[in-house]
Amino acid sequence: MAPIAKVHKTQRFIVDCTAPMQDNIIDASGLEKFFHDRIKVDGKCGQLGTKIQISRQKGRITVLSEVPMSKRYLKYLTKKYLKKQQIRDFLRVVATSKSSYEVKYFNISNEAGEE
């Protein structure tokens, strides 16, 4: 019997940062470059080759992966980028669907007005 070849399905993940980008808080092109530099393929950073493609349309960054990749890994990298830019205290990464994240502001209520 011949071994059965596994067919890997292409995964598509989206990171949407349009709201902070419109307020000039975050730079989507900087986040895209951060993904290019930091995503690891076979244990090596920055060597995506044809296995992973990253594209950007305004504030939406799309990652197409032919190798198995965790959605959680993109959340980790996005949070790491926010920390590097020192805006992690104001923004959070929230899952909006099975294959997408959105960068949103924290809901900050005016606690001083309640007293």
PDB file of N, CA and C in Angstrom:
ATOM      1  N   MET A   1       0.823  -1.183   0.000  1.00  0.00           N
ATOM      2  CA  MET A   1       0.000   0.000   0.000  1.00  0.00           C
ATOM      3  C   MET A   1       0.870   1.250   0.000  1.00  0.00           C
ATOM      4  N   ALA A   2       0.524   2.183  -0.841  1.00  0.00           N
ATOM      5  CA  ALA A   2       1.267   3.432  -0.914  1.00  0.00           C
ATOM      6  C   ALA A   2       0.818   4.371   0.208  1.00  0.00           C
ATOM      7  N   PRO A   3       1.756   5.136   0.759  1.00  0.00           N
ATOM      8  CA  PRO A   3       1.371   6.076   1.816  1.00  0.00           C
ATOM      9  C   PRO A   3       0.494   7.189   1.242  1.00  0.00           C
ATOM     10  N   ILE A   4      -0.438   7.623   2.037  1.00  0.00           N
ATOM     11  CA  ILE A   4      -1.356   8.674   1.618  1.00  0.00           C
ATOM     12  C   ILE A   4      -0.720  10.026   1.906  1.00  0.00           C
ATOM     13  N   ALA A   5      -0.664  10.862   0.897  1.00  0.00           N
ATOM     14  CA  ALA A   5      -0.092  12.187   1.050  1.00  0.00           C
ATOM     15  C   ALA A   5      -1.113  13.102   1.715  1.00  0.00           C
ATOM     16  N   LYS A   6      -0.657  13.833   2.723  1.00  0.00           N
ATOM     17  CA  LYS A   6      -1.551  14.756   3.401  1.00  0.00           C
ATOM     18  C   LYS A   6      -1.694  16.025   2.574  1.00  0.00           C
ATOM     19  N   VAL A   7      -2.912  16.497   2.476  1.00  0.00           N
ATOM     20  CA  VAL A   7      -3.186  17.733   1.768  1.00  0.00           C
ATOM     21  C   VAL A   7      -3.410  18.816   2.815  1.00  0.00           C
ATOM     22  N   HIS A   8      -2.552  19.822   2.813  1.00  0.00           N
ATOM     23  CA  HIS A   8      -2.687  20.913   3.756  1.00  0.00           C
ATOM     24  C   HIS A   8      -3.569  21.992   3.157  1.00  0.00           C
ATOM     25  N   LYS A   9      -4.556  22.370   3.891  1.00  0.00           N
ATOM     26  CA  LYS A   9      -5.453  23.426   3.469  1.00  0.00           C
ATOM     27  C   LYS A   9      -4.818  24.773   3.781  1.00  0.00           C
ATOM     28  N   THR A  10      -4.957  25.712   2.869  1.00  0.00           N
ATOM     29  CA  THR A  10      -4.425  27.042   3.096  1.00  0.00           C
ATOM     30  C   THR A  10      -5.263  27.742   4.155  1.00  0.00           C
ATOM     31  N   GLN A  11      -4.592  28.269   5.160  1.00  0.00           N
ATOM     32  CA  GLN A  11      -5.271  28.986   6.231  1.00  0.00           C
ATOM     33  C   GLN A  11      -5.201  30.480   5.963  1.00  0.00           C
ATOM     34  N   ARG A  12      -6.296  31.181   6.280  1.00  0.00           N
ATOM     35  CA  ARG A  12      -6.341  32.632   6.107  1.00  0.00           C
ATOM     36  C   ARG A  12      -6.706  33.262   7.447  1.00  0.00           C
ATOM     37  N   PHE A  13      -5.843  34.149   7.922  1.00  0.00           N
ATOM     38  CA  PHE A  13      -6.078  34.884   9.155  1.00  0.00           C
ATOM     39  C   PHE A  13      -6.055  36.373   8.859  1.00  0.00           C
ATOM     40  N   ILE A  14      -6.902  37.116   9.553  1.00  0.00           N
ATOM     41  CA  ILE A  14      -7.004  38.552   9.334  1.00  0.00           C
ATOM     42  C   ILE A  14      -6.819  39.276  10.663  1.00  0.00           C
ATOM     43  N   VAL A  15      -5.993  40.312  10.655  1.00  0.00           N
ATOM     44  CA  VAL A  15      -5.837  41.203  11.798  1.00  0.00           C
ATOM     45  C   VAL A  15      -6.315  42.575  11.333  1.00  0.00           C
ATOM     46  N   ASP A  16      -7.399  43.048  11.938  1.00  0.00           N
ATOM     47  CA  ASP A  16      -8.029  44.301  11.533  1.00  0.00           C
ATOM     48  C   ASP A  16      -7.676  45.393  12.535  1.00  0.00           C
ATOM     49  N   CYS A  17      -6.959  46.397  12.091  1.00  0.00           N
ATOM     50  CA  CYS A  17      -6.579  47.500  12.975  1.00  0.00           C
ATOM     51  C   CYS A  17      -6.988  48.838  12.363  1.00  0.00           C
ATOM     52  N   THR A  18      -8.174  48.897  11.762  1.00  0.00           N
ATOM     53  CA  THR A  18      -8.617  50.108  11.085  1.00  0.00           C
ATOM     54  C   THR A  18      -8.942  51.247  12.055  1.00  0.00           C
ATOM     55  N   ALA A  19      -9.606  50.938  13.187  1.00  0.00           N
ATOM     56  CA  ALA A  19     -10.001  52.005  14.119  1.00  0.00           C
ATOM     57  C   ALA A  19      -8.788  52.745  14.687  1.00  0.00           C
ATOM     58  N   PRO A  20      -7.778  52.062  15.237  1.00  0.00           N
ATOM     59  CA  PRO A  20      -6.605  52.798  15.733  1.00  0.00           C
ATOM     60  C   PRO A  20      -5.788  53.439  14.603  1.00  0.00           C
ATOM     61  N   MET A  21      -5.844  52.857  13.418  1.00  0.00           N
ATOM     62  CA  MET A  21      -5.096  53.419  12.300  1.00  0.00           C
ATOM     63  C   MET A  21      -5.708  54.753  11.852  1.00  0.00           C
ATOM     64  N   GLN A  22      -7.033  54.838  11.874  1.00  0.00           N
ATOM     65  CA  GLN A  22      -7.689  56.084  11.493  1.00  0.00           C
ATOM     66  C   GLN A  22      -7.392  57.208  12.475  1.00  0.00           C
ATOM     67  N   ASP A  23      -7.130  56.849  13.727  1.00  0.00           N
ATOM     68  CA  ASP A  23      -6.783  57.834  14.746  1.00  0.00           C
ATOM     69  C   ASP A  23      -5.279  58.083  14.825  1.00  0.00           C
ATOM     70  N   ASN A  24      -4.524  57.519  13.898  1.00  0.00           N
ATOM     71  CA  ASN A  24      -3.060  57.642  13.832  1.00  0.00           C
ATOM     72  C   ASN A  24      -2.370  57.151  15.105  1.00  0.00           C
ATOM     73  N   ILE A  25      -2.915  56.107  15.704  1.00  0.00           N
ATOM     74  CA  ILE A  25      -2.317  55.493  16.887  1.00  0.00           C
ATOM     75  C   ILE A  25      -1.362  54.379  16.474  1.00  0.00           C
ATOM     76  N   ILE A  26      -1.762  53.604  15.480  1.00  0.00           N
ATOM     77  CA  ILE A  26      -0.985  52.441  15.053  1.00  0.00           C
ATOM     78  C   ILE A  26      -0.703  52.556  13.553  1.00  0.00           C
ATOM     79  N   ASP A  27       0.408  52.004  13.130  1.00  0.00           N
ATOM     80  CA  ASP A  27       0.794  51.999  11.722  1.00  0.00           C
ATOM     81  C   ASP A  27       0.656  50.577  11.182  1.00  0.00           C
ATOM     82  N   ALA A  28      -0.292  50.374  10.264  1.00  0.00           N
ATOM     83  CA  ALA A  28      -0.543  49.026   9.737  1.00  0.00           C
ATOM     84  C   ALA A  28       0.654  48.508   8.943  1.00  0.00           C
ATOM     85  N   SER A  29       1.360  49.387   8.246  1.00  0.00           N
ATOM     86  CA  SER A  29       2.526  48.928   7.492  1.00  0.00           C
ATOM     87  C   SER A  29       3.637  48.482   8.441  1.00  0.00           C
ATOM     88  N   GLY A  30       3.739  49.124   9.602  1.00  0.00           N
ATOM     89  CA  GLY A  30       4.720  48.700  10.599  1.00  0.00           C
ATOM     90  C   GLY A  30       4.392  47.338  11.171  1.00  0.00           C
ATOM     91  N   LEU A  31       3.094  47.081  11.402  1.00  0.00           N
ATOM     92  CA  LEU A  31       2.671  45.775  11.893  1.00  0.00           C
ATOM     93  C   LEU A  31       2.906  44.698  10.840  1.00  0.00           C
ATOM     94  N   GLU A  32       2.672  45.038   9.580  1.00  0.00           N
ATOM     95  CA  GLU A  32       2.924  44.083   8.490  1.00  0.00           C
ATOM     96  C   GLU A  32       4.414  43.726   8.423  1.00  0.00           C
ATOM     97  N   LYS A  33       5.274  44.726   8.525  1.00  0.00           N
ATOM     98  CA  LYS A  33       6.723  44.468   8.509  1.00  0.00           C
ATOM     99  C   LYS A  33       7.142  43.651   9.725  1.00  0.00           C
ATOM    100  N   PHE A  34       6.520  43.931  10.884  1.00  0.00           N
ATOM    101  CA  PHE A  34       6.810  43.172  12.103  1.00  0.00           C
ATOM    102  C   PHE A  34       6.462  41.707  11.900  1.00  0.00           C
ATOM    103  N   PHE A  35       5.320  41.425  11.247  1.00  0.00           N
ATOM    104  CA  PHE A  35       4.947  40.043  10.945  1.00  0.00           C
ATOM    105  C   PHE A  35       5.973  39.397  10.015  1.00  0.00           C
ATOM    106  N   HIS A  36       6.404  40.143   8.973  1.00  0.00           N
ATOM    107  CA  HIS A  36       7.407  39.609   8.044  1.00  0.00           C
ATOM    108  C   HIS A  36       8.694  39.234   8.771  1.00  0.00           C
ATOM    109  N   ASP A  37       9.092  40.075   9.714  1.00  0.00           N
ATOM    110  CA  ASP A  37      10.357  39.853  10.402  1.00  0.00           C
ATOM    111  C   ASP A  37      10.270  38.785  11.485  1.00  0.00           C
ATOM    112  N   ARG A  38       9.110  38.618  12.116  1.00  0.00           N
ATOM    113  CA  ARG A  38       9.022  37.795  13.314  1.00  0.00           C
ATOM    114  C   ARG A  38       8.343  36.441  13.154  1.00  0.00           C
ATOM    115  N   ILE A  39       7.553  36.238  12.106  1.00  0.00           N
ATOM    116  CA  ILE A  39       6.890  34.936  11.958  1.00  0.00           C
ATOM    117  C   ILE A  39       7.945  33.870  11.671  1.00  0.00           C
ATOM    118  N   LYS A  40       7.884  32.794  12.437  1.00  0.00           N
ATOM    119  CA  LYS A  40       8.854  31.720  12.279  1.00  0.00           C
ATOM    120  C   LYS A  40       8.299  30.614  11.383  1.00  0.00           C
ATOM    121  N   VAL A  41       9.116  30.163  10.439  1.00  0.00           N
ATOM    122  CA  VAL A  41       8.812  29.009   9.599  1.00  0.00           C
ATOM    123  C   VAL A  41       9.970  28.047   9.765  1.00  0.00           C
ATOM    124  N   ASP A  42       9.678  26.842  10.186  1.00  0.00           N
ATOM    125  CA  ASP A  42      10.698  25.822  10.459  1.00  0.00           C
ATOM    126  C   ASP A  42      11.728  26.315  11.470  1.00  0.00           C
ATOM    127  N   GLY A  43      11.275  27.107  12.450  1.00  0.00           N
ATOM    128  CA  GLY A  43      12.144  27.568  13.517  1.00  0.00           C
ATOM    129  C   GLY A  43      13.034  28.743  13.177  1.00  0.00           C
ATOM    130  N   LYS A  44      12.823  29.372  12.019  1.00  0.00           N
ATOM    131  CA  LYS A  44      13.669  30.493  11.608  1.00  0.00           C
ATOM    132  C   LYS A  44      12.805  31.717  11.334  1.00  0.00           C
ATOM    133  N   CYS A  45      13.221  32.855  11.872  1.00  0.00           N
ATOM    134  CA  CYS A  45      12.497  34.109  11.670  1.00  0.00           C
ATOM    135  C   CYS A  45      12.830  34.716  10.314  1.00  0.00           C
ATOM    136  N   GLY A  46      11.840  35.370   9.718  1.00  0.00           N
ATOM    137  CA  GLY A  46      12.080  36.162   8.519  1.00  0.00           C
ATOM    138  C   GLY A  46      12.257  35.387   7.227  1.00  0.00           C
ATOM    139  N   GLN A  47      12.162  34.062   7.250  1.00  0.00           N
ATOM    140  CA  GLN A  47      12.324  33.277   6.024  1.00  0.00           C
ATOM    141  C   GLN A  47      10.987  32.646   5.664  1.00  0.00           C
ATOM    142  N   LEU A  48      10.065  33.495   5.181  1.00  0.00           N
ATOM    143  CA  LEU A  48       8.717  33.017   4.898  1.00  0.00           C
ATOM    144  C   LEU A  48       8.639  32.227   3.604  1.00  0.00           C
ATOM    145  N   GLY A  49       9.408  32.640   2.616  1.00  0.00           N
ATOM    146  CA  GLY A  49       9.382  31.955   1.326  1.00  0.00           C
ATOM    147  C   GLY A  49       8.001  32.045   0.699  1.00  0.00           C
ATOM    148  N   THR A  50       7.567  30.944   0.102  1.00  0.00           N
ATOM    149  CA  THR A  50       6.239  30.915  -0.512  1.00  0.00           C
ATOM    150  C   THR A  50       5.217  30.253   0.402  1.00  0.00           C
ATOM    151  N   LYS A  51       5.651  29.839   1.570  1.00  0.00           N
ATOM    152  CA  LYS A  51       4.753  29.127   2.480  1.00  0.00           C
ATOM    153  C   LYS A  51       3.772  30.059   3.188  1.00  0.00           C
ATOM    154  N   ILE A  52       4.197  31.290   3.441  1.00  0.00           N
ATOM    155  CA  ILE A  52       3.343  32.266   4.116  1.00  0.00           C
ATOM    156  C   ILE A  52       3.392  33.569   3.338  1.00  0.00           C
ATOM    157  N   GLN A  53       2.204  34.103   3.027  1.00  0.00           N
ATOM    158  CA  GLN A  53       2.102  35.386   2.345  1.00  0.00           C
ATOM    159  C   GLN A  53       1.378  36.365   3.250  1.00  0.00           C
ATOM    160  N   ILE A  54       1.910  37.574   3.342  1.00  0.00           N
ATOM    161  CA  ILE A  54       1.309  38.622   4.159  1.00  0.00           C
ATOM    162  C   ILE A  54       0.988  39.792   3.251  1.00  0.00           C
ATOM    163  N   SER A  55      -0.278  40.230   3.314  1.00  0.00           N
ATOM    164  CA  SER A  55      -0.685  41.370   2.497  1.00  0.00           C
ATOM    165  C   SER A  55      -1.490  42.333   3.357  1.00  0.00           C
ATOM    166  N   ARG A  56      -1.568  43.579   2.884  1.00  0.00           N
ATOM    167  CA  ARG A  56      -2.272  44.612   3.644  1.00  0.00           C
ATOM    168  C   ARG A  56      -3.173  45.402   2.702  1.00  0.00           C
ATOM    169  N   GLN A  57      -4.404  45.626   3.156  1.00  0.00           N
ATOM    170  CA  GLN A  57      -5.337  46.494   2.447  1.00  0.00           C
ATOM    171  C   GLN A  57      -5.856  47.491   3.458  1.00  0.00           C
ATOM    172  N   LYS A  58      -5.379  48.723   3.366  1.00  0.00           N
ATOM    173  CA  LYS A  58      -5.679  49.775   4.336  1.00  0.00           C
ATOM    174  C   LYS A  58      -5.326  49.304   5.735  1.00  0.00           C
ATOM    175  N   GLY A  59      -6.301  49.003   6.587  1.00  0.00           N
ATOM    176  CA  GLY A  59      -5.998  48.613   7.956  1.00  0.00           C
ATOM    177  C   GLY A  59      -6.147  47.142   8.234  1.00  0.00           C
ATOM    178  N   ARG A  60      -6.377  46.333   7.207  1.00  0.00           N
ATOM    179  CA  ARG A  60      -6.557  44.892   7.392  1.00  0.00           C
ATOM    180  C   ARG A  60      -5.334  44.148   6.869  1.00  0.00           C
ATOM    181  N   ILE A  61      -4.725  43.367   7.736  1.00  0.00           N
ATOM    182  CA  ILE A  61      -3.560  42.579   7.362  1.00  0.00           C
ATOM    183  C   ILE A  61      -4.003  41.128   7.242  1.00  0.00           C
ATOM    184  N   THR A  62      -3.751  40.542   6.079  1.00  0.00           N
ATOM    185  CA  THR A  62      -4.157  39.166   5.803  1.00  0.00           C
ATOM    186  C   THR A  62      -2.919  38.286   5.745  1.00  0.00           C
ATOM    187  N   VAL A  63      -2.981  37.172   6.465  1.00  0.00           N
ATOM    188  CA  VAL A  63      -1.873  36.209   6.483  1.00  0.00           C
ATOM    189  C   VAL A  63      -2.400  34.905   5.897  1.00  0.00           C
ATOM    190  N   LEU A  64      -1.808  34.475   4.777  1.00  0.00           N
ATOM    191  CA  LEU A  64      -2.152  33.200   4.146  1.00  0.00           C
ATOM    192  C   LEU A  64      -1.016  32.221   4.435  1.00  0.00           C
ATOM    193  N   SER A  65      -1.375  31.080   5.013  1.00  0.00           N
ATOM    194  CA  SER A  65      -0.357  30.121   5.425  1.00  0.00           C
ATOM    195  C   SER A  65      -0.641  28.752   4.822  1.00  0.00           C
ATOM    196  N   GLU A  66       0.374  28.182   4.203  1.00  0.00           N
ATOM    197  CA  GLU A  66       0.265  26.830   3.668  1.00  0.00           C
ATOM    198  C   GLU A  66       0.781  25.796   4.663  1.00  0.00           C
ATOM    199  N   VAL A  67       1.504  26.260   5.680  1.00  0.00           N
ATOM    200  CA  VAL A  67       1.991  25.373   6.734  1.00  0.00           C
ATOM    201  C   VAL A  67       1.069  25.522   7.945  1.00  0.00           C
ATOM    202  N   PRO A  68       0.981  24.513   8.773  1.00  0.00           N
ATOM    203  CA  PRO A  68       0.132  24.634   9.963  1.00  0.00           C
ATOM    204  C   PRO A  68       0.579  25.813  10.840  1.00  0.00           C
ATOM    205  N   MET A  69      -0.374  26.661  11.176  1.00  0.00           N
ATOM    206  CA  MET A  69      -0.065  27.857  11.945  1.00  0.00           C
ATOM    207  C   MET A  69      -1.221  28.149  12.887  1.00  0.00           C
ATOM    208  N   SER A  70      -0.913  28.561  14.067  1.00  0.00           N
ATOM    209  CA  SER A  70      -1.928  28.847  15.076  1.00  0.00           C
ATOM    210  C   SER A  70      -2.410  30.292  14.957  1.00  0.00           C
ATOM    211  N   LYS A  71      -3.713  30.474  15.116  1.00  0.00           N
ATOM    212  CA  LYS A  71      -4.277  31.823  15.140  1.00  0.00           C
ATOM    213  C   LYS A  71      -3.766  32.567  16.372  1.00  0.00           C
ATOM    214  N   ARG A  72      -3.587  31.832  17.437  1.00  0.00           N
ATOM    215  CA  ARG A  72      -3.096  32.395  18.700  1.00  0.00           C
ATOM    216  C   ARG A  72      -1.702  33.007  18.527  1.00  0.00           C
ATOM    217  N   TYR A  73      -0.897  32.470  17.610  1.00  0.00           N
ATOM    218  CA  TYR A  73       0.447  32.982  17.354  1.00  0.00           C
ATOM    219  C   TYR A  73       0.372  34.409  16.806  1.00  0.00           C
ATOM    220  N   LEU A  74      -0.620  34.688  15.964  1.00  0.00           N
ATOM    221  CA  LEU A  74      -0.775  36.047  15.442  1.00  0.00           C
ATOM    222  C   LEU A  74      -1.201  37.008  16.544  1.00  0.00           C
ATOM    223  N   LYS A  75      -2.041  36.537  17.462  1.00  0.00           N
ATOM    224  CA  LYS A  75      -2.432  37.376  18.593  1.00  0.00           C
ATOM    225  C   LYS A  75      -1.210  37.697  19.449  1.00  0.00           C
ATOM    226  N   TYR A  76      -0.385  36.693  19.674  1.00  0.00           N
ATOM    227  CA  TYR A  76       0.850  36.880  20.446  1.00  0.00           C
ATOM    228  C   TYR A  76       1.749  37.922  19.782  1.00  0.00           C
ATOM    229  N   LEU A  77       1.938  37.810  18.474  1.00  0.00           N
ATOM    230  CA  LEU A  77       2.805  38.752  17.759  1.00  0.00           C
ATOM    231  C   LEU A  77       2.210  40.156  17.735  1.00  0.00           C
ATOM    232  N   THR A  78       0.888  40.248  17.595  1.00  0.00           N
ATOM    233  CA  THR A  78       0.239  41.560  17.586  1.00  0.00           C
ATOM    234  C   THR A  78       0.406  42.241  18.937  1.00  0.00           C
ATOM    235  N   LYS A  79       0.212  41.485  20.019  1.00  0.00           N
ATOM    236  CA  LYS A  79       0.387  42.049  21.355  1.00  0.00           C
ATOM    237  C   LYS A  79       1.849  42.452  21.598  1.00  0.00           C
ATOM    238  N   LYS A  80       2.760  41.673  21.060  1.00  0.00           N
ATOM    239  CA  LYS A  80       4.183  41.989  21.195  1.00  0.00           C
ATOM    240  C   LYS A  80       4.509  43.295  20.452  1.00  0.00           C
ATOM    241  N   TYR A  81       3.892  43.487  19.287  1.00  0.00           N
ATOM    242  CA  TYR A  81       4.092  44.724  18.530  1.00  0.00           C
ATOM    243  C   TYR A  81       3.526  45.924  19.296  1.00  0.00           C
ATOM    244  N   LEU A  82       2.334  45.754  19.879  1.00  0.00           N
ATOM    245  CA  LEU A  82       1.723  46.841  20.645  1.00  0.00           C
ATOM    246  C   LEU A  82       2.596  47.217  21.841  1.00  0.00           C
ATOM    247  N   LYS A  83       3.174  46.235  22.491  1.00  0.00           N
ATOM    248  CA  LYS A  83       4.059  46.483  23.630  1.00  0.00           C
ATOM    249  C   LYS A  83       5.317  47.213  23.187  1.00  0.00           C
ATOM    250  N   LYS A  84       5.846  46.829  22.032  1.00  0.00           N
ATOM    251  CA  LYS A  84       7.060  47.464  21.505  1.00  0.00           C
ATOM    252  C   LYS A  84       6.799  48.934  21.182  1.00  0.00           C
ATOM    253  N   GLN A  85       5.591  49.234  20.697  1.00  0.00           N
ATOM    254  CA  GLN A  85       5.224  50.608  20.359  1.00  0.00           C
ATOM    255  C   GLN A  85       4.719  51.398  21.576  1.00  0.00           C
ATOM    256  N   GLN A  86       4.662  50.747  22.735  1.00  0.00           N
ATOM    257  CA  GLN A  86       4.214  51.330  24.001  1.00  0.00           C
ATOM    258  C   GLN A  86       2.766  51.813  23.943  1.00  0.00           C
ATOM    259  N   ILE A  87       1.918  51.056  23.244  1.00  0.00           N
ATOM    260  CA  ILE A  87       0.490  51.381  23.184  1.00  0.00           C
ATOM    261  C   ILE A  87      -0.352  50.196  23.658  1.00  0.00           C
ATOM    262  N   ARG A  88       0.285  49.250  24.308  1.00  0.00           N
ATOM    263  CA  ARG A  88      -0.413  48.064  24.811  1.00  0.00           C
ATOM    264  C   ARG A  88      -1.412  48.422  25.908  1.00  0.00           C
ATOM    265  N   ASP A  89      -1.194  49.531  26.624  1.00  0.00           N
ATOM    266  CA  ASP A  89      -2.081  49.932  27.706  1.00  0.00           C
ATOM    267  C   ASP A  89      -3.411  50.474  27.200  1.00  0.00           C
ATOM    268  N   PHE A  90      -3.482  50.854  25.919  1.00  0.00           N
ATOM    269  CA  PHE A  90      -4.683  51.483  25.379  1.00  0.00           C
ATOM    270  C   PHE A  90      -5.453  50.584  24.423  1.00  0.00           C
ATOM    271  N   LEU A  91      -4.776  49.591  23.859  1.00  0.00           N
ATOM    272  CA  LEU A  91      -5.391  48.750  22.835  1.00  0.00           C
ATOM    273  C   LEU A  91      -5.396  47.291  23.274  1.00  0.00           C
ATOM    274  N   ARG A  92      -6.369  46.541  22.772  1.00  0.00           N
ATOM    275  CA  ARG A  92      -6.438  45.108  23.038  1.00  0.00           C
ATOM    276  C   ARG A  92      -6.756  44.374  21.747  1.00  0.00           C
ATOM    277  N   VAL A  93      -6.448  43.089  21.712  1.00  0.00           N
ATOM    278  CA  VAL A  93      -6.663  42.258  20.540  1.00  0.00           C
ATOM    279  C   VAL A  93      -7.823  41.312  20.854  1.00  0.00           C
ATOM    280  N   VAL A  94      -8.904  41.403  20.048  1.00  0.00           N
ATOM    281  CA  VAL A  94     -10.128  40.654  20.311  1.00  0.00           C
ATOM    282  C   VAL A  94     -10.462  39.808  19.085  1.00  0.00           C
ATOM    283  N   ALA A  95     -10.849  38.564  19.330  1.00  0.00           N
ATOM    284  CA  ALA A  95     -11.268  37.684  18.234  1.00  0.00           C
ATOM    285  C   ALA A  95     -12.676  38.083  17.803  1.00  0.00           C
ATOM    286  N   THR A  96     -12.870  38.304  16.499  1.00  0.00           N
ATOM    287  CA  THR A  96     -14.185  38.666  15.984  1.00  0.00           C
ATOM    288  C   THR A  96     -14.840  37.511  15.243  1.00  0.00           C
ATOM    289  N   SER A  97     -14.049  36.568  14.782  1.00  0.00           N
ATOM    290  CA  SER A  97     -14.586  35.377  14.128  1.00  0.00           C
ATOM    291  C   SER A  97     -13.565  34.255  14.302  1.00  0.00           C
ATOM    292  N   LYS A  98     -13.840  33.142  13.650  1.00  0.00           N
ATOM    293  CA  LYS A  98     -12.961  31.984  13.783  1.00  0.00           C
ATOM    294  C   LYS A  98     -11.578  32.223  13.188  1.00  0.00           C
ATOM    295  N   SER A  99     -11.483  33.154  12.254  1.00  0.00           N
ATOM    296  CA  SER A  99     -10.195  33.360  11.592  1.00  0.00           C
ATOM    297  C   SER A  99      -9.738  34.816  11.594  1.00  0.00           C
ATOM    298  N   SER A 100     -10.282  35.635  12.479  1.00  0.00           N
ATOM    299  CA  SER A 100      -9.864  37.035  12.455  1.00  0.00           C
ATOM    300  C   SER A 100      -9.791  37.635  13.855  1.00  0.00           C
ATOM    301  N   TYR A 101      -8.918  38.626  13.962  1.00  0.00           N
ATOM    302  CA  TYR A 101      -8.752  39.424  15.169  1.00  0.00           C
ATOM    303  C   TYR A 101      -9.002  40.876  14.817  1.00  0.00           C
ATOM    304  N   GLU A 102      -9.374  41.651  15.833  1.00  0.00           N
ATOM    305  CA  GLU A 102      -9.543  43.087  15.662  1.00  0.00           C
ATOM    306  C   GLU A 102      -8.836  43.781  16.815  1.00  0.00           C
ATOM    307  N   VAL A 103      -8.120  44.854  16.493  1.00  0.00           N
ATOM    308  CA  VAL A 103      -7.448  45.645  17.515  1.00  0.00           C
ATOM    309  C   VAL A 103      -8.427  46.747  17.918  1.00  0.00           C
ATOM    310  N   LYS A 104      -8.816  46.734  19.202  1.00  0.00           N
ATOM    311  CA  LYS A 104      -9.819  47.681  19.703  1.00  0.00           C
ATOM    312  C   LYS A 104      -9.262  48.451  20.884  1.00  0.00           C
ATOM    313  N   TYR A 105      -9.951  49.565  21.187  1.00  0.00           N
ATOM    314  CA  TYR A 105      -9.626  50.328  22.384  1.00  0.00           C
ATOM    315  C   TYR A 105     -10.235  49.651  23.603  1.00  0.00           C
ATOM    316  N   PHE A 106      -9.599  49.818  24.753  1.00  0.00           N
ATOM    317  CA  PHE A 106     -10.204  49.379  25.998  1.00  0.00           C
ATOM    318  C   PHE A 106     -11.416  50.258  26.284  1.00  0.00           C
ATOM    319  N   ASN A 107     -12.447  49.686  26.911  1.00  0.00           N
ATOM    320  CA  ASN A 107     -13.593  50.483  27.342  1.00  0.00           C
ATOM    321  C   ASN A 107     -13.248  51.110  28.687  1.00  0.00           C
ATOM    322  N   ILE A 108     -12.884  52.374  28.661  1.00  0.00           N
ATOM    323  CA  ILE A 108     -12.491  53.067  29.879  1.00  0.00           C
ATOM    324  C   ILE A 108     -13.658  53.947  30.314  1.00  0.00           C
ATOM    325  N   SER A 109     -14.209  53.634  31.471  1.00  0.00           N
ATOM    326  CA  SER A 109     -15.301  54.446  31.988  1.00  0.00           C
ATOM    327  C   SER A 109     -14.739  55.491  32.935  1.00  0.00           C
ATOM    328  N   ASN A 110     -15.482  56.553  33.100  1.00  0.00           N
ATOM    329  CA  ASN A 110     -15.043  57.646  33.964  1.00  0.00           C
ATOM    330  C   ASN A 110     -15.412  57.309  35.402  1.00  0.00           C
ATOM    331  N   GLU A 111     -14.476  56.727  36.146  1.00  0.00           N
ATOM    332  CA  GLU A 111     -14.740  56.305  37.511  1.00  0.00           C
ATOM    333  C   GLU A 111     -14.781  57.485  38.470  1.00  0.00           C
ATOM    334  N   ALA A 112     -14.100  58.557  38.151  1.00  0.00           N
ATOM    335  CA  ALA A 112     -14.093  59.719  39.040  1.00  0.00           C
ATOM    336  C   ALA A 112     -15.464  60.400  39.064  1.00  0.00           C
ATOM    337  N   GLY A 113     -16.208  60.322  37.986  1.00  0.00           N
ATOM    338  CA  GLY A 113     -17.536  60.927  37.903  1.00  0.00           C
ATOM    339  C   GLY A 113     -18.575  60.164  38.701  1.00  0.00           C
ATOM    340  N   GLU A 114     -18.324  58.899  39.036  1.00  0.00           N
ATOM    341  CA  GLU A 114     -19.276  58.088  39.770  1.00  0.00           C
ATOM    342  C   GLU A 114     -19.269  58.409  41.254  1.00  0.00           C
ATOM    343  N   GLU A 115     -18.160  58.941  41.767  1.00  0.00           N
ATOM    344  CA  GLU A 115     -18.054  59.202  43.207  1.00  0.00           C
ATOM    345  C   GLU A 115     -18.728  60.479  43.618  1.00  0.00           C
TER     346      GLU A 115
END
